[in-house]
Amino acid sequence: MSFFRKTGVLIYFILMMGAASLLILVAIEKITPDMAMSFMRAVASVQGLQIILYALGGLFMVIGAVGAMRLSKTSSGESIIAFQNQDGEVTVSLRAIEDYIKKISRDISGINDVKAHVRALRQGIEAVCEVSLTAGANVPDITERIQMAVRNRLQSILGLEEKISIKMHVSRIIKAQKGSEITQGQEEEMRPTEIPFR
């Protein structure tokens, strides 16, 4: 987190705590109308204090406007990763990477469905794949093949040197449809194996 962002967060926290404390004090009648009028008279009588309050008010307005714009941009904007090549900057949508991971994974036999969630981290890219397998599939073998295929393809098409972490989560094991043809290679692949539990 940058210095300016930390400063903005700190000021925002102070403002919210100050406003909350003021409302509570008014509610329990620790601050009366007479006290408020006395404070306003004191401010009006000291010119330097008025200038300080004007400056603080303007600063708080700027921080509020910038914070609202950043929040709106973050909520509506699309997450991307960016890298440089010889001709300029290239940006890739994380959603496009998620769709590409689905296409890669569905080409592997024994996979029924795949949902991918990709995050851009400082150390590289982290992808969490939620997969549905066909009953009898070799879970360790298939998940390892998905991890290798996704990592190799992403490094190839994106040219990333950063770490690519592929995490697998088997969410469902679905019974094979009747009448579906299974090749000899797929049959060997789908034989039950001992799953190493941790």
C-alpha atoms as a PDB file:
ATOM      1  CA  MET A   1       0.000   0.000   0.000  1.00  0.00           C
ATOM      2  CA  SER A   2       1.426   3.372  -1.049  1.00  0.00           C
ATOM      3  CA  PHE A   3       2.047   6.266   1.328  1.00  0.00           C
ATOM      4  CA  PHE A   4      -0.775   8.366  -0.146  1.00  0.00           C
ATOM      5  CA  ARG A   5      -3.240   5.488   0.120  1.00  0.00           C
ATOM      6  CA  LYS A   6      -2.254   4.860   3.728  1.00  0.00           C
ATOM      7  CA  THR A   7      -2.675   8.559   4.488  1.00  0.00           C
ATOM      8  CA  GLY A   8      -6.091   8.601   2.835  1.00  0.00           C
ATOM      9  CA  VAL A   9      -7.230   5.543   4.775  1.00  0.00           C
ATOM     10  CA  LEU A  10      -6.010   7.098   8.032  1.00  0.00           C
ATOM     11  CA  ILE A  11      -7.808  10.386   7.379  1.00  0.00           C
ATOM     12  CA  TYR A  12     -10.981   8.552   6.394  1.00  0.00           C
ATOM     13  CA  PHE A  13     -10.818   6.522   9.620  1.00  0.00           C
ATOM     14  CA  ILE A  14     -10.311   9.671  11.705  1.00  0.00           C
ATOM     15  CA  LEU A  15     -13.238  11.400   9.987  1.00  0.00           C
ATOM     16  CA  MET A  16     -15.590   8.482  10.515  1.00  0.00           C
ATOM     17  CA  MET A  17     -14.586   8.061  14.154  1.00  0.00           C
ATOM     18  CA  GLY A  18     -14.919  11.816  14.741  1.00  0.00           C
ATOM     19  CA  ALA A  19     -18.373  11.959  13.149  1.00  0.00           C
ATOM     20  CA  ALA A  20     -19.524   8.909  15.109  1.00  0.00           C
ATOM     21  CA  SER A  21     -18.186  10.322  18.387  1.00  0.00           C
ATOM     22  CA  LEU A  22     -19.871  13.687  17.723  1.00  0.00           C
ATOM     23  CA  LEU A  23     -23.240  12.053  17.078  1.00  0.00           C
ATOM     24  CA  ILE A  24     -22.947   9.964  20.240  1.00  0.00           C
ATOM     25  CA  LEU A  25     -22.028  13.015  22.345  1.00  0.00           C
ATOM     26  CA  VAL A  26     -24.990  14.930  20.941  1.00  0.00           C
ATOM     27  CA  ALA A  27     -27.304  11.980  21.604  1.00  0.00           C
ATOM     28  CA  ILE A  28     -26.277  11.729  25.265  1.00  0.00           C
ATOM     29  CA  GLU A  29     -26.431  15.541  25.582  1.00  0.00           C
ATOM     30  CA  LYS A  30     -22.748  15.971  26.326  1.00  0.00           C
ATOM     31  CA  ILE A  31     -22.719  18.614  23.591  1.00  0.00           C
ATOM     32  CA  THR A  32     -25.489  21.183  24.000  1.00  0.00           C
ATOM     33  CA  PRO A  33     -26.669  23.889  21.570  1.00  0.00           C
ATOM     34  CA  ASP A  34     -25.061  26.509  23.793  1.00  0.00           C
ATOM     35  CA  MET A  35     -21.694  24.785  23.527  1.00  0.00           C
ATOM     36  CA  ALA A  36     -22.036  24.616  19.751  1.00  0.00           C
ATOM     37  CA  MET A  37     -22.876  28.326  19.556  1.00  0.00           C
ATOM     38  CA  SER A  38     -19.897  29.167  21.781  1.00  0.00           C
ATOM     39  CA  PHE A  39     -17.594  27.187  19.502  1.00  0.00           C
ATOM     40  CA  MET A  40     -18.957  28.939  16.396  1.00  0.00           C
ATOM     41  CA  ARG A  41     -18.424  32.365  18.001  1.00  0.00           C
ATOM     42  CA  ALA A  42     -14.859  31.411  18.896  1.00  0.00           C
ATOM     43  CA  VAL A  43     -14.172  30.335  15.325  1.00  0.00           C
ATOM     44  CA  ALA A  44     -15.668  33.529  13.924  1.00  0.00           C
ATOM     45  CA  SER A  45     -13.519  35.686  16.219  1.00  0.00           C
ATOM     46  CA  VAL A  46     -10.192  34.088  15.216  1.00  0.00           C
ATOM     47  CA  GLN A  47      -9.298  34.659  11.557  1.00  0.00           C
ATOM     48  CA  GLY A  48      -6.443  32.130  11.515  1.00  0.00           C
ATOM     49  CA  LEU A  49      -8.722  29.397  12.801  1.00  0.00           C
ATOM     50  CA  GLN A  50     -11.220  30.114  10.045  1.00  0.00           C
ATOM     51  CA  ILE A  51      -8.509  29.660   7.410  1.00  0.00           C
ATOM     52  CA  ILE A  52      -7.462  26.341   8.962  1.00  0.00           C
ATOM     53  CA  LEU A  53     -11.069  25.104   8.963  1.00  0.00           C
ATOM     54  CA  TYR A  54     -11.512  26.193   5.322  1.00  0.00           C
ATOM     55  CA  ALA A  55      -8.359  24.266   4.367  1.00  0.00           C
ATOM     56  CA  LEU A  56      -9.427  21.157   6.269  1.00  0.00           C
ATOM     57  CA  GLY A  57     -12.890  21.290   4.730  1.00  0.00           C
ATOM     58  CA  GLY A  58     -11.434  21.547   1.236  1.00  0.00           C
ATOM     59  CA  LEU A  59      -8.997  18.687   1.924  1.00  0.00           C
ATOM     60  CA  PHE A  60     -11.775  16.435   3.200  1.00  0.00           C
ATOM     61  CA  MET A  61     -13.886  17.208   0.117  1.00  0.00           C
ATOM     62  CA  VAL A  62     -11.018  16.284  -2.206  1.00  0.00           C
ATOM     63  CA  ILE A  63     -10.323  13.045  -0.308  1.00  0.00           C
ATOM     64  CA  GLY A  64     -14.009  12.128  -0.405  1.00  0.00           C
ATOM     65  CA  ALA A  65     -14.289  12.822  -4.152  1.00  0.00           C
ATOM     66  CA  VAL A  66     -11.105  10.882  -4.998  1.00  0.00           C
ATOM     67  CA  GLY A  67     -12.153   7.979  -2.782  1.00  0.00           C
ATOM     68  CA  ALA A  68     -15.578   7.789  -4.432  1.00  0.00           C
ATOM     69  CA  MET A  69     -14.022   7.826  -7.907  1.00  0.00           C
ATOM     70  CA  ARG A  70     -11.541   5.101  -6.995  1.00  0.00           C
ATOM     71  CA  LEU A  71     -14.257   2.960  -5.435  1.00  0.00           C
ATOM     72  CA  SER A  72     -16.481   3.362  -8.492  1.00  0.00           C
ATOM     73  CA  LYS A  73     -13.628   2.482 -10.822  1.00  0.00           C
ATOM     74  CA  THR A  74     -12.660  -0.563  -8.770  1.00  0.00           C
ATOM     75  CA  SER A  75     -16.211  -1.919  -8.583  1.00  0.00           C
ATOM     76  CA  SER A  76     -17.037  -1.384 -12.248  1.00  0.00           C
ATOM     77  CA  GLY A  77     -13.633  -1.966 -13.794  1.00  0.00           C
ATOM     78  CA  GLU A  78     -12.350  -5.297 -15.060  1.00  0.00           C
ATOM     79  CA  SER A  79      -9.326  -6.931 -13.447  1.00  0.00           C
ATOM     80  CA  ILE A  80      -6.361  -7.223 -15.778  1.00  0.00           C
ATOM     81  CA  ILE A  81      -2.689  -8.069 -15.819  1.00  0.00           C
ATOM     82  CA  ALA A  82      -0.224  -5.932 -17.737  1.00  0.00           C
ATOM     83  CA  PHE A  83       3.248  -6.523 -19.103  1.00  0.00           C
ATOM     84  CA  GLN A  84       5.620  -4.774 -21.446  1.00  0.00           C
ATOM     85  CA  ASN A  85       7.005  -5.918 -24.757  1.00  0.00           C
ATOM     86  CA  GLN A  86       9.135  -4.166 -27.367  1.00  0.00           C
ATOM     87  CA  ASP A  87       6.160  -2.394 -28.964  1.00  0.00           C
ATOM     88  CA  GLY A  88       4.442  -1.216 -25.787  1.00  0.00           C
ATOM     89  CA  GLU A  89       2.174  -2.289 -22.957  1.00  0.00           C
ATOM     90  CA  VAL A  90      -0.080  -5.335 -23.246  1.00  0.00           C
ATOM     91  CA  THR A  91      -3.055  -5.933 -20.957  1.00  0.00           C
ATOM     92  CA  VAL A  92      -4.895  -9.230 -20.566  1.00  0.00           C
ATOM     93  CA  SER A  93      -8.254  -9.628 -18.840  1.00  0.00           C
ATOM     94  CA  LEU A  94      -8.338 -12.156 -16.008  1.00  0.00           C
ATOM     95  CA  ARG A  95     -11.731 -13.227 -17.316  1.00  0.00           C
ATOM     96  CA  ALA A  96     -10.106 -14.151 -20.632  1.00  0.00           C
ATOM     97  CA  ILE A  97      -7.547 -16.263 -18.752  1.00  0.00           C
ATOM     98  CA  GLU A  98     -10.349 -17.990 -16.832  1.00  0.00           C
ATOM     99  CA  ASP A  99     -12.154 -18.834 -20.087  1.00  0.00           C
ATOM    100  CA  TYR A 100      -8.909 -20.128 -21.588  1.00  0.00           C
ATOM    101  CA  ILE A 101      -8.305 -22.375 -18.567  1.00  0.00           C
ATOM    102  CA  LYS A 102     -11.799 -23.855 -19.019  1.00  0.00           C
ATOM    103  CA  LYS A 103     -11.078 -24.656 -22.675  1.00  0.00           C
ATOM    104  CA  ILE A 104      -7.734 -26.272 -21.837  1.00  0.00           C
ATOM    105  CA  SER A 105      -9.183 -28.391 -19.037  1.00  0.00           C
ATOM    106  CA  ARG A 106     -12.203 -29.616 -20.993  1.00  0.00           C
ATOM    107  CA  ASP A 107      -9.880 -31.198 -23.566  1.00  0.00           C
ATOM    108  CA  ILE A 108      -8.664 -33.630 -20.898  1.00  0.00           C
ATOM    109  CA  SER A 109     -10.660 -36.856 -20.690  1.00  0.00           C
ATOM    110  CA  GLY A 110     -12.465 -37.501 -17.426  1.00  0.00           C
ATOM    111  CA  ILE A 111     -13.321 -33.809 -16.938  1.00  0.00           C
ATOM    112  CA  ASN A 112     -17.023 -33.005 -16.872  1.00  0.00           C
ATOM    113  CA  ASP A 113     -16.936 -29.307 -16.050  1.00  0.00           C
ATOM    114  CA  VAL A 114     -14.439 -26.661 -14.894  1.00  0.00           C
ATOM    115  CA  LYS A 115     -14.809 -23.320 -13.151  1.00  0.00           C
ATOM    116  CA  ALA A 116     -11.707 -21.170 -12.829  1.00  0.00           C
ATOM    117  CA  HIS A 117     -11.014 -18.144 -10.646  1.00  0.00           C
ATOM    118  CA  VAL A 118      -7.825 -16.202 -11.361  1.00  0.00           C
ATOM    119  CA  ARG A 119      -6.156 -13.589  -9.174  1.00  0.00           C
ATOM    120  CA  ALA A 120      -3.178 -11.375  -9.993  1.00  0.00           C
ATOM    121  CA  LEU A 121      -0.722 -11.313  -7.103  1.00  0.00           C
ATOM    122  CA  ARG A 122       2.602  -9.589  -6.641  1.00  0.00           C
ATOM    123  CA  GLN A 123       4.397 -12.929  -6.903  1.00  0.00           C
ATOM    124  CA  GLY A 124       2.538 -13.930 -10.069  1.00  0.00           C
ATOM    125  CA  ILE A 125      -0.828 -15.472 -10.951  1.00  0.00           C
ATOM    126  CA  GLU A 126      -2.955 -17.745  -8.791  1.00  0.00           C
ATOM    127  CA  ALA A 127      -5.668 -19.851 -10.412  1.00  0.00           C
ATOM    128  CA  VAL A 128      -8.181 -21.887  -8.414  1.00  0.00           C
ATOM    129  CA  CYS A 129      -9.895 -24.532 -10.547  1.00  0.00           C
ATOM    130  CA  GLU A 130     -13.136 -26.117  -9.356  1.00  0.00           C
ATOM    131  CA  VAL A 131     -13.635 -29.294 -11.371  1.00  0.00           C
ATOM    132  CA  SER A 132     -16.320 -31.910 -11.822  1.00  0.00           C
ATOM    133  CA  LEU A 133     -14.978 -35.355 -12.674  1.00  0.00           C
ATOM    134  CA  THR A 134     -16.490 -38.443 -14.214  1.00  0.00           C
ATOM    135  CA  ALA A 135     -16.969 -41.320 -11.765  1.00  0.00           C
ATOM    136  CA  GLY A 136     -13.988 -43.666 -11.682  1.00  0.00           C
ATOM    137  CA  ALA A 137     -11.552 -41.015 -12.881  1.00  0.00           C
ATOM    138  CA  ASN A 138      -7.974 -41.070 -11.632  1.00  0.00           C
ATOM    139  CA  VAL A 139      -8.120 -37.919  -9.496  1.00  0.00           C
ATOM    140  CA  PRO A 140      -4.384 -37.384  -8.803  1.00  0.00           C
ATOM    141  CA  ASP A 141      -3.456 -38.006 -12.442  1.00  0.00           C
ATOM    142  CA  ILE A 142      -6.150 -35.781 -13.942  1.00  0.00           C
ATOM    143  CA  THR A 143      -5.588 -32.886 -11.560  1.00  0.00           C
ATOM    144  CA  GLU A 144      -1.840 -33.049 -12.170  1.00  0.00           C
ATOM    145  CA  ARG A 145      -2.421 -33.033 -15.937  1.00  0.00           C
ATOM    146  CA  ILE A 146      -4.663 -29.986 -15.614  1.00  0.00           C
ATOM    147  CA  GLN A 147      -2.068 -28.169 -13.532  1.00  0.00           C
ATOM    148  CA  MET A 148       0.738 -28.919 -15.972  1.00  0.00           C
ATOM    149  CA  ALA A 149      -1.340 -28.078 -19.049  1.00  0.00           C
ATOM    150  CA  VAL A 150      -2.641 -24.790 -17.661  1.00  0.00           C
ATOM    151  CA  ARG A 151       0.765 -23.669 -16.359  1.00  0.00           C
ATOM    152  CA  ASN A 152       2.569 -24.519 -19.606  1.00  0.00           C
ATOM    153  CA  ARG A 153      -0.054 -22.913 -21.839  1.00  0.00           C
ATOM    154  CA  LEU A 154      -0.235 -19.712 -19.800  1.00  0.00           C
ATOM    155  CA  GLN A 155       3.528 -19.356 -19.720  1.00  0.00           C
ATOM    156  CA  SER A 156       3.602 -19.969 -23.467  1.00  0.00           C
ATOM    157  CA  ILE A 157       0.893 -17.524 -24.567  1.00  0.00           C
ATOM    158  CA  LEU A 158       1.576 -14.799 -21.994  1.00  0.00           C
ATOM    159  CA  GLY A 159       5.338 -15.144 -21.762  1.00  0.00           C
ATOM    160  CA  LEU A 160       5.175 -14.735 -17.996  1.00  0.00           C
ATOM    161  CA  GLU A 161       8.266 -15.388 -15.930  1.00  0.00           C
ATOM    162  CA  GLU A 162       6.421 -14.929 -12.630  1.00  0.00           C
ATOM    163  CA  LYS A 163       5.128 -17.867 -10.610  1.00  0.00           C
ATOM    164  CA  ILE A 164       1.862 -19.423 -11.790  1.00  0.00           C
ATOM    165  CA  SER A 165       0.110 -21.269  -8.972  1.00  0.00           C
ATOM    166  CA  ILE A 166      -2.646 -23.719  -9.939  1.00  0.00           C
ATOM    167  CA  LYS A 167      -4.847 -24.962  -7.091  1.00  0.00           C
ATOM    168  CA  MET A 168      -7.356 -27.746  -7.690  1.00  0.00           C
ATOM    169  CA  HIS A 169     -10.662 -28.404  -5.945  1.00  0.00           C
ATOM    170  CA  VAL A 170     -12.762 -31.418  -6.938  1.00  0.00           C
ATOM    171  CA  SER A 171     -16.322 -30.289  -6.247  1.00  0.00           C
ATOM    172  CA  ARG A 172     -18.318 -33.095  -7.844  1.00  0.00           C
ATOM    173  CA  ILE A 173     -17.887 -36.633  -9.146  1.00  0.00           C
ATOM    174  CA  ILE A 174     -20.574 -37.380 -11.712  1.00  0.00           C
ATOM    175  CA  LYS A 175     -21.697 -40.784 -12.884  1.00  0.00           C
ATOM    176  CA  ALA A 176     -20.809 -41.499 -16.492  1.00  0.00           C
ATOM    177  CA  GLN A 177     -23.701 -41.276 -18.947  1.00  0.00           C
ATOM    178  CA  LYS A 178     -25.108 -44.550 -20.283  1.00  0.00           C
ATOM    179  CA  GLY A 179     -24.106 -45.370 -23.804  1.00  0.00           C
ATOM    180  CA  SER A 180     -21.052 -43.120 -23.735  1.00  0.00           C
ATOM    181  CA  GLU A 181     -18.068 -44.688 -25.434  1.00  0.00           C
ATOM    182  CA  ILE A 182     -14.863 -44.966 -23.450  1.00  0.00           C
ATOM    183  CA  THR A 183     -11.627 -45.709 -25.216  1.00  0.00           C
ATOM    184  CA  GLN A 184      -9.056 -48.146 -23.843  1.00  0.00           C
ATOM    185  CA  GLY A 185      -6.782 -45.284 -22.795  1.00  0.00           C
ATOM    186  CA  GLN A 186      -9.609 -43.522 -20.986  1.00  0.00           C
ATOM    187  CA  GLU A 187     -10.604 -46.767 -19.281  1.00  0.00           C
ATOM    188  CA  GLU A 188      -7.099 -47.206 -17.874  1.00  0.00           C
ATOM    189  CA  GLU A 189      -7.058 -43.547 -16.850  1.00  0.00           C
ATOM    190  CA  MET A 190     -10.388 -43.864 -15.021  1.00  0.00           C
ATOM    191  CA  ARG A 191      -9.448 -46.866 -12.883  1.00  0.00           C
ATOM    192  CA  PRO A 192      -9.747 -46.069  -9.180  1.00  0.00           C
ATOM    193  CA  THR A 193      -6.484 -45.270  -7.418  1.00  0.00           C
ATOM    194  CA  GLU A 194      -5.529 -44.518  -3.867  1.00  0.00           C
ATOM    195  CA  ILE A 195      -5.833 -40.806  -3.194  1.00  0.00           C
ATOM    196  CA  PRO A 196      -3.116 -39.386  -0.949  1.00  0.00           C
ATOM    197  CA  PHE A 197      -4.829 -37.565   1.911  1.00  0.00           C
ATOM    198  CA  ARG A 198      -3.024 -35.003   4.022  1.00  0.00           C
END
